């Protein structure tokens, strides 16, 4: 899905994506090495899902990998 080495910002906040959807987004971003951003108002935003959809399992690992590479990721 995110096979784009130029993707710096992806805003998918305030939707009703499931935890599974969020996991898939994060895993795709991590696997494809999207550049992302280190600016708090940019980066990859998946927070404020309704109902809340925090990542789990592999999604948490992917989120941590992305953050450890200096990018901003927000989730529920």
PDB file of N, CA and C in Angstrom:
ATOM      1  N   UNK A   1       0.818  -1.197   0.000  1.00  0.00           N
ATOM      2  CA  UNK A   1       0.000   0.000   0.000  1.00  0.00           C
ATOM      3  C   UNK A   1       0.862   1.262   0.000  1.00  0.00           C
ATOM      4  N   UNK A   2       1.880   1.295   0.837  1.00  0.00           N
ATOM      5  CA  UNK A   2       2.702   2.495   0.983  1.00  0.00           C
ATOM      6  C   UNK A   2       4.069   2.322   0.344  1.00  0.00           C
ATOM      7  N   UNK A   3       4.120   1.787  -0.843  1.00  0.00           N
ATOM      8  CA  UNK A   3       5.392   1.589  -1.521  1.00  0.00           C
ATOM      9  C   UNK A   3       5.798   2.900  -2.201  1.00  0.00           C
ATOM     10  N   UNK A   4       6.085   3.888  -1.384  1.00  0.00           N
ATOM     11  CA  UNK A   4       6.418   5.217  -1.890  1.00  0.00           C
ATOM     12  C   UNK A   4       7.516   5.800  -1.008  1.00  0.00           C
ATOM     13  N   UNK A   5       8.706   5.962  -1.563  1.00  0.00           N
ATOM     14  CA  UNK A   5       9.817   6.460  -0.759  1.00  0.00           C
ATOM     15  C   UNK A   5       9.778   7.973  -0.559  1.00  0.00           C
ATOM     16  N   UNK A   6       8.710   8.627  -0.986  1.00  0.00           N
ATOM     17  CA  UNK A   6       8.577  10.076  -0.798  1.00  0.00           C
ATOM     18  C   UNK A   6       7.486  10.445   0.207  1.00  0.00           C
ATOM     19  N   UNK A   7       6.735   9.460   0.692  1.00  0.00           N
ATOM     20  CA  UNK A   7       5.619   9.730   1.602  1.00  0.00           C
ATOM     21  C   UNK A   7       6.141  10.259   2.931  1.00  0.00           C
ATOM     22  N   UNK A   8       5.790  11.501   3.243  1.00  0.00           N
ATOM     23  CA  UNK A   8       6.235  12.116   4.488  1.00  0.00           C
ATOM     24  C   UNK A   8       5.096  12.318   5.476  1.00  0.00           C
ATOM     25  N   UNK A   9       3.888  12.478   4.977  1.00  0.00           N
ATOM     26  CA  UNK A   9       2.741  12.730   5.838  1.00  0.00           C
ATOM     27  C   UNK A   9       1.579  11.852   5.405  1.00  0.00           C
ATOM     28  N   UNK A  10       0.942  11.235   6.383  1.00  0.00           N
ATOM     29  CA  UNK A  10      -0.268  10.461   6.111  1.00  0.00           C
ATOM     30  C   UNK A  10      -1.211  10.697   7.271  1.00  0.00           C
ATOM     31  N   UNK A  11      -2.328  11.355   7.001  1.00  0.00           N
ATOM     32  CA  UNK A  11      -3.284  11.703   8.047  1.00  0.00           C
ATOM     33  C   UNK A  11      -4.534  10.842   7.881  1.00  0.00           C
ATOM     34  N   UNK A  12      -4.743   9.946   8.825  1.00  0.00           N
ATOM     35  CA  UNK A  12      -5.927   9.083   8.804  1.00  0.00           C
ATOM     36  C   UNK A  12      -6.603   9.138  10.170  1.00  0.00           C
ATOM     37  N   UNK A  13      -6.587  10.304  10.754  1.00  0.00           N
ATOM     38  CA  UNK A  13      -7.181  10.477  12.091  1.00  0.00           C
ATOM     39  C   UNK A  13      -8.676  10.745  11.954  1.00  0.00           C
ATOM     40  N   UNK A  14      -9.370  10.609  13.060  1.00  0.00           N
ATOM     41  CA  UNK A  14     -10.819  10.851  13.177  1.00  0.00           C
ATOM     42  C   UNK A  14     -11.636  10.067  12.144  1.00  0.00           C
ATOM     43  N   UNK A  15     -11.351   8.783  12.037  1.00  0.00           N
ATOM     44  CA  UNK A  15     -12.123   7.855  11.212  1.00  0.00           C
ATOM     45  C   UNK A  15     -12.643   6.748  12.109  1.00  0.00           C
ATOM     46  N   UNK A  16     -13.085   5.668  11.515  1.00  0.00           N
ATOM     47  CA  UNK A  16     -13.452   4.523  12.346  1.00  0.00           C
ATOM     48  C   UNK A  16     -12.732   3.269  11.871  1.00  0.00           C
ATOM     49  N   UNK A  17     -11.421   3.421  11.605  1.00  0.00           N
ATOM     50  CA  UNK A  17     -10.597   2.266  11.276  1.00  0.00           C
ATOM     51  C   UNK A  17     -10.498   1.347  12.491  1.00  0.00           C
ATOM     52  N   UNK A  18     -10.414   0.059  12.235  1.00  0.00           N
ATOM     53  CA  UNK A  18     -10.279  -0.924  13.311  1.00  0.00           C
ATOM     54  C   UNK A  18      -8.814  -1.062  13.718  1.00  0.00           C
ATOM     55  N   UNK A  19      -8.577  -1.735  14.826  1.00  0.00           N
ATOM     56  CA  UNK A  19      -7.210  -2.028  15.245  1.00  0.00           C
ATOM     57  C   UNK A  19      -6.477  -2.796  14.146  1.00  0.00           C
ATOM     58  N   UNK A  20      -7.150  -3.720  13.504  1.00  0.00           N
ATOM     59  CA  UNK A  20      -6.545  -4.475  12.406  1.00  0.00           C
ATOM     60  C   UNK A  20      -6.121  -3.553  11.263  1.00  0.00           C
ATOM     61  N   UNK A  21      -6.976  -2.592  10.923  1.00  0.00           N
ATOM     62  CA  UNK A  21      -6.628  -1.617   9.880  1.00  0.00           C
ATOM     63  C   UNK A  21      -5.393  -0.806  10.277  1.00  0.00           C
ATOM     64  N   UNK A  22      -5.385  -0.326  11.514  1.00  0.00           N
ATOM     65  CA  UNK A  22      -4.256   0.470  11.999  1.00  0.00           C
ATOM     66  C   UNK A  22      -2.976  -0.359  11.960  1.00  0.00           C
ATOM     67  N   UNK A  23      -3.068  -1.609  12.416  1.00  0.00           N
ATOM     68  CA  UNK A  23      -1.905  -2.501  12.349  1.00  0.00           C
ATOM     69  C   UNK A  23      -1.394  -2.609  10.918  1.00  0.00           C
ATOM     70  N   UNK A  24      -2.296  -2.823   9.976  1.00  0.00           N
ATOM     71  CA  UNK A  24      -1.897  -2.974   8.575  1.00  0.00           C
ATOM     72  C   UNK A  24      -1.232  -1.711   8.034  1.00  0.00           C
ATOM     73  N   UNK A  25      -1.779  -0.534   8.359  1.00  0.00           N
ATOM     74  CA  UNK A  25      -1.155   0.729   7.948  1.00  0.00           C
ATOM     75  C   UNK A  25       0.283   0.807   8.483  1.00  0.00           C
ATOM     76  N   UNK A  26       0.434   0.557   9.782  1.00  0.00           N
ATOM     77  CA  UNK A  26       1.744   0.684  10.423  1.00  0.00           C
ATOM     78  C   UNK A  26       2.741  -0.326   9.868  1.00  0.00           C
ATOM     79  N   UNK A  27       2.305  -1.555   9.693  1.00  0.00           N
ATOM     80  CA  UNK A  27       3.190  -2.594   9.152  1.00  0.00           C
ATOM     81  C   UNK A  27       3.623  -2.243   7.733  1.00  0.00           C
ATOM     82  N   UNK A  28       2.690  -1.767   6.919  1.00  0.00           N
ATOM     83  CA  UNK A  28       3.042  -1.355   5.552  1.00  0.00           C
ATOM     84  C   UNK A  28       4.050  -0.210   5.558  1.00  0.00           C
ATOM     85  N   UNK A  29       3.819   0.787   6.398  1.00  0.00           N
ATOM     86  CA  UNK A  29       4.737   1.926   6.467  1.00  0.00           C
ATOM     87  C   UNK A  29       6.124   1.478   6.920  1.00  0.00           C
ATOM     88  N   UNK A  30       6.168   0.614   7.913  1.00  0.00           N
ATOM     89  CA  UNK A  30       7.442   0.113   8.424  1.00  0.00           C
ATOM     90  C   UNK A  30       8.150  -0.738   7.366  1.00  0.00           C
ATOM     91  N   UNK A  31       7.432  -1.609   6.721  1.00  0.00           N
ATOM     92  CA  UNK A  31       8.015  -2.528   5.735  1.00  0.00           C
ATOM     93  C   UNK A  31       8.542  -1.815   4.507  1.00  0.00           C
ATOM     94  N   UNK A  32       7.881  -0.746   4.114  1.00  0.00           N
ATOM     95  CA  UNK A  32       8.253  -0.049   2.887  1.00  0.00           C
ATOM     96  C   UNK A  32       9.167   1.148   3.109  1.00  0.00           C
ATOM     97  N   UNK A  33       9.504   1.410   4.364  1.00  0.00           N
ATOM     98  CA  UNK A  33      10.477   2.455   4.650  1.00  0.00           C
ATOM     99  C   UNK A  33      10.080   3.856   4.237  1.00  0.00           C
ATOM    100  N   UNK A  34       8.811   4.192   4.344  1.00  0.00           N
ATOM    101  CA  UNK A  34       8.376   5.549   4.007  1.00  0.00           C
ATOM    102  C   UNK A  34       9.155   6.556   4.856  1.00  0.00           C
ATOM    103  N   UNK A  35       9.625   7.643   4.239  1.00  0.00           N
ATOM    104  CA  UNK A  35      10.463   8.604   4.966  1.00  0.00           C
ATOM    105  C   UNK A  35       9.812   9.210   6.206  1.00  0.00           C
ATOM    106  N   UNK A  36       8.529   9.523   6.132  1.00  0.00           N
ATOM    107  CA  UNK A  36       7.870  10.132   7.277  1.00  0.00           C
ATOM    108  C   UNK A  36       8.412  11.503   7.596  1.00  0.00           C
ATOM    109  N   UNK A  37       8.135  11.969   8.795  1.00  0.00           N
ATOM    110  CA  UNK A  37       8.575  13.288   9.234  1.00  0.00           C
ATOM    111  C   UNK A  37       8.868  13.234  10.723  1.00  0.00           C
ATOM    112  N   UNK A  38       9.782  14.091  11.168  1.00  0.00           N
ATOM    113  CA  UNK A  38      10.073  14.185  12.596  1.00  0.00           C
ATOM    114  C   UNK A  38       9.389  15.392  13.215  1.00  0.00           C
ATOM    115  N   UNK A  39       8.481  16.029  12.483  1.00  0.00           N
ATOM    116  CA  UNK A  39       7.754  17.191  12.992  1.00  0.00           C
ATOM    117  C   UNK A  39       6.422  16.731  13.582  1.00  0.00           C
ATOM    118  N   UNK A  40       6.138  17.190  14.799  1.00  0.00           N
ATOM    119  CA  UNK A  40       4.985  16.709  15.557  1.00  0.00           C
ATOM    120  C   UNK A  40       3.659  16.872  14.820  1.00  0.00           C
ATOM    121  N   UNK A  41       3.497  17.913  14.044  1.00  0.00           N
ATOM    122  CA  UNK A  41       2.212  18.158  13.374  1.00  0.00           C
ATOM    123  C   UNK A  41       2.117  17.432  12.039  1.00  0.00           C
ATOM    124  N   UNK A  42       3.145  16.692  11.671  1.00  0.00           N
ATOM    125  CA  UNK A  42       3.143  15.943  10.419  1.00  0.00           C
ATOM    126  C   UNK A  42       3.277  14.454  10.721  1.00  0.00           C
ATOM    127  N   UNK A  43       4.044  13.746   9.937  1.00  0.00           N
ATOM    128  CA  UNK A  43       4.264  12.332  10.193  1.00  0.00           C
ATOM    129  C   UNK A  43       3.038  11.495   9.841  1.00  0.00           C
ATOM    130  N   UNK A  44       2.873  10.415  10.555  1.00  0.00           N
ATOM    131  CA  UNK A  44       1.795   9.464  10.306  1.00  0.00           C
ATOM    132  C   UNK A  44       0.806   9.528  11.470  1.00  0.00           C
ATOM    133  N   UNK A  45      -0.391  10.003  11.203  1.00  0.00           N
ATOM    134  CA  UNK A  45      -1.372  10.237  12.266  1.00  0.00           C
ATOM    135  C   UNK A  45      -2.571   9.300  12.114  1.00  0.00           C
ATOM    136  N   UNK A  46      -2.751   8.470  13.117  1.00  0.00           N
ATOM    137  CA  UNK A  46      -3.857   7.512  13.136  1.00  0.00           C
ATOM    138  C   UNK A  46      -4.692   7.633  14.415  1.00  0.00           C
ATOM    139  N   UNK A  47      -4.536   8.723  15.155  1.00  0.00           N
ATOM    140  CA  UNK A  47      -5.236   8.880  16.430  1.00  0.00           C
ATOM    141  C   UNK A  47      -6.700   9.302  16.221  1.00  0.00           C
ATOM    142  N   UNK A  48      -7.449   9.285  17.302  1.00  0.00           N
ATOM    143  CA  UNK A  48      -8.846   9.741  17.352  1.00  0.00           C
ATOM    144  C   UNK A  48      -9.791   8.899  16.500  1.00  0.00           C
ATOM    145  N   UNK A  49      -9.535   7.595  16.448  1.00  0.00           N
ATOM    146  CA  UNK A  49     -10.478   6.709  15.776  1.00  0.00           C
ATOM    147  C   UNK A  49     -11.721   6.591  16.665  1.00  0.00           C
ATOM    148  N   UNK A  50     -12.850   6.323  16.057  1.00  0.00           N
ATOM    149  CA  UNK A  50     -14.095   6.195  16.811  1.00  0.00           C
ATOM    150  C   UNK A  50     -14.813   4.929  16.369  1.00  0.00           C
ATOM    151  N   UNK A  51     -14.773   3.876  17.200  1.00  0.00           N
ATOM    152  CA  UNK A  51     -14.170   3.818  18.538  1.00  0.00           C
ATOM    153  C   UNK A  51     -12.643   3.747  18.460  1.00  0.00           C
ATOM    154  N   UNK A  52     -12.015   3.960  19.611  1.00  0.00           N
ATOM    155  CA  UNK A  52     -10.556   3.937  19.679  1.00  0.00           C
ATOM    156  C   UNK A  52     -10.018   2.627  19.103  1.00  0.00           C
ATOM    157  N   UNK A  53      -8.894   2.737  18.392  1.00  0.00           N
ATOM    158  CA  UNK A  53      -8.302   1.562  17.750  1.00  0.00           C
ATOM    159  C   UNK A  53      -6.781   1.577  17.920  1.00  0.00           C
ATOM    160  N   UNK A  54      -6.309   1.287  19.136  1.00  0.00           N
ATOM    161  CA  UNK A  54      -4.862   1.265  19.338  1.00  0.00           C
ATOM    162  C   UNK A  54      -4.241   0.076  18.612  1.00  0.00           C
ATOM    163  N   UNK A  55      -2.990   0.214  18.179  1.00  0.00           N
ATOM    164  CA  UNK A  55      -2.345  -0.925  17.532  1.00  0.00           C
ATOM    165  C   UNK A  55      -2.124  -2.052  18.536  1.00  0.00           C
ATOM    166  N   UNK A  56      -1.946  -3.249  17.999  1.00  0.00           N
ATOM    167  CA  UNK A  56      -1.664  -4.408  18.839  1.00  0.00           C
ATOM    168  C   UNK A  56      -0.613  -5.277  18.156  1.00  0.00           C
ATOM    169  N   UNK A  57       0.030  -6.142  18.919  1.00  0.00           N
ATOM    170  CA  UNK A  57       0.963  -7.115  18.371  1.00  0.00           C
ATOM    171  C   UNK A  57       1.969  -6.529  17.393  1.00  0.00           C
ATOM    172  N   UNK A  58       1.927  -7.009  16.149  1.00  0.00           N
ATOM    173  CA  UNK A  58       2.869  -6.560  15.113  1.00  0.00           C
ATOM    174  C   UNK A  58       2.716  -5.081  14.795  1.00  0.00           C
ATOM    175  N   UNK A  59       1.516  -4.534  15.008  1.00  0.00           N
ATOM    176  CA  UNK A  59       1.302  -3.107  14.793  1.00  0.00           C
ATOM    177  C   UNK A  59       2.089  -2.273  15.785  1.00  0.00           C
ATOM    178  N   UNK A  60       2.157  -2.735  17.028  1.00  0.00           N
ATOM    179  CA  UNK A  60       2.948  -2.032  18.047  1.00  0.00           C
ATOM    180  C   UNK A  60       4.432  -2.092  17.683  1.00  0.00           C
ATOM    181  N   UNK A  61       4.881  -3.258  17.254  1.00  0.00           N
ATOM    182  CA  UNK A  61       6.286  -3.407  16.841  1.00  0.00           C
ATOM    183  C   UNK A  61       6.611  -2.477  15.682  1.00  0.00           C
ATOM    184  N   UNK A  62       5.734  -2.433  14.685  1.00  0.00           N
ATOM    185  CA  UNK A  62       5.947  -1.556  13.527  1.00  0.00           C
ATOM    186  C   UNK A  62       5.978  -0.090  13.957  1.00  0.00           C
ATOM    187  N   UNK A  63       5.041   0.292  14.831  1.00  0.00           N
ATOM    188  CA  UNK A  63       5.006   1.676  15.323  1.00  0.00           C
ATOM    189  C   UNK A  63       6.323   2.014  16.030  1.00  0.00           C
ATOM    190  N   UNK A  64       6.790   1.121  16.881  1.00  0.00           N
ATOM    191  CA  UNK A  64       8.042   1.363  17.600  1.00  0.00           C
ATOM    192  C   UNK A  64       9.229   1.452  16.648  1.00  0.00           C
ATOM    193  N   UNK A  65       9.234   0.629  15.608  1.00  0.00           N
ATOM    194  CA  UNK A  65      10.311   0.696  14.608  1.00  0.00           C
ATOM    195  C   UNK A  65      10.322   2.043  13.908  1.00  0.00           C
ATOM    196  N   UNK A  66       9.134   2.515  13.539  1.00  0.00           N
ATOM    197  CA  UNK A  66       9.022   3.799  12.840  1.00  0.00           C
ATOM    198  C   UNK A  66       9.496   4.937  13.750  1.00  0.00           C
ATOM    199  N   UNK A  67       9.051   4.921  14.988  1.00  0.00           N
ATOM    200  CA  UNK A  67       9.442   5.960  15.952  1.00  0.00           C
ATOM    201  C   UNK A  67      10.946   5.910  16.215  1.00  0.00           C
ATOM    202  N   UNK A  68      11.505   4.708  16.342  1.00  0.00           N
ATOM    203  CA  UNK A  68      12.936   4.597  16.638  1.00  0.00           C
ATOM    204  C   UNK A  68      13.803   5.092  15.480  1.00  0.00           C
ATOM    205  N   UNK A  69      13.212   5.184  14.292  1.00  0.00           N
ATOM    206  CA  UNK A  69      13.973   5.732  13.159  1.00  0.00           C
ATOM    207  C   UNK A  69      13.817   7.246  13.055  1.00  0.00           C
ATOM    208  N   UNK A  70      13.173   7.860  14.063  1.00  0.00           N
ATOM    209  CA  UNK A  70      13.091   9.309  14.135  1.00  0.00           C
ATOM    210  C   UNK A  70      11.859   9.934  13.541  1.00  0.00           C
ATOM    211  N   UNK A  71      10.858   9.111  13.226  1.00  0.00           N
ATOM    212  CA  UNK A  71       9.634   9.623  12.624  1.00  0.00           C
ATOM    213  C   UNK A  71       8.537   9.764  13.682  1.00  0.00           C
ATOM    214  N   UNK A  72       7.551  10.590  13.389  1.00  0.00           N
ATOM    215  CA  UNK A  72       6.432  10.800  14.299  1.00  0.00           C
ATOM    216  C   UNK A  72       5.267   9.906  13.878  1.00  0.00           C
ATOM    217  N   UNK A  73       4.707   9.180  14.842  1.00  0.00           N
ATOM    218  CA  UNK A  73       3.522   8.353  14.628  1.00  0.00           C
ATOM    219  C   UNK A  73       2.604   8.572  15.808  1.00  0.00           C
ATOM    220  N   UNK A  74       1.335   8.881  15.544  1.00  0.00           N
ATOM    221  CA  UNK A  74       0.361   8.991  16.630  1.00  0.00           C
ATOM    222  C   UNK A  74      -0.770   7.991  16.389  1.00  0.00           C
ATOM    223  N   UNK A  75      -1.147   7.310  17.468  1.00  0.00           N
ATOM    224  CA  UNK A  75      -2.253   6.345  17.426  1.00  0.00           C
ATOM    225  C   UNK A  75      -3.078   6.503  18.701  1.00  0.00           C
ATOM    226  N   UNK A  76      -4.200   5.821  18.736  1.00  0.00           N
ATOM    227  CA  UNK A  76      -5.006   5.800  19.975  1.00  0.00           C
ATOM    228  C   UNK A  76      -4.268   5.022  21.042  1.00  0.00           C
TER     229      UNK A  76
END
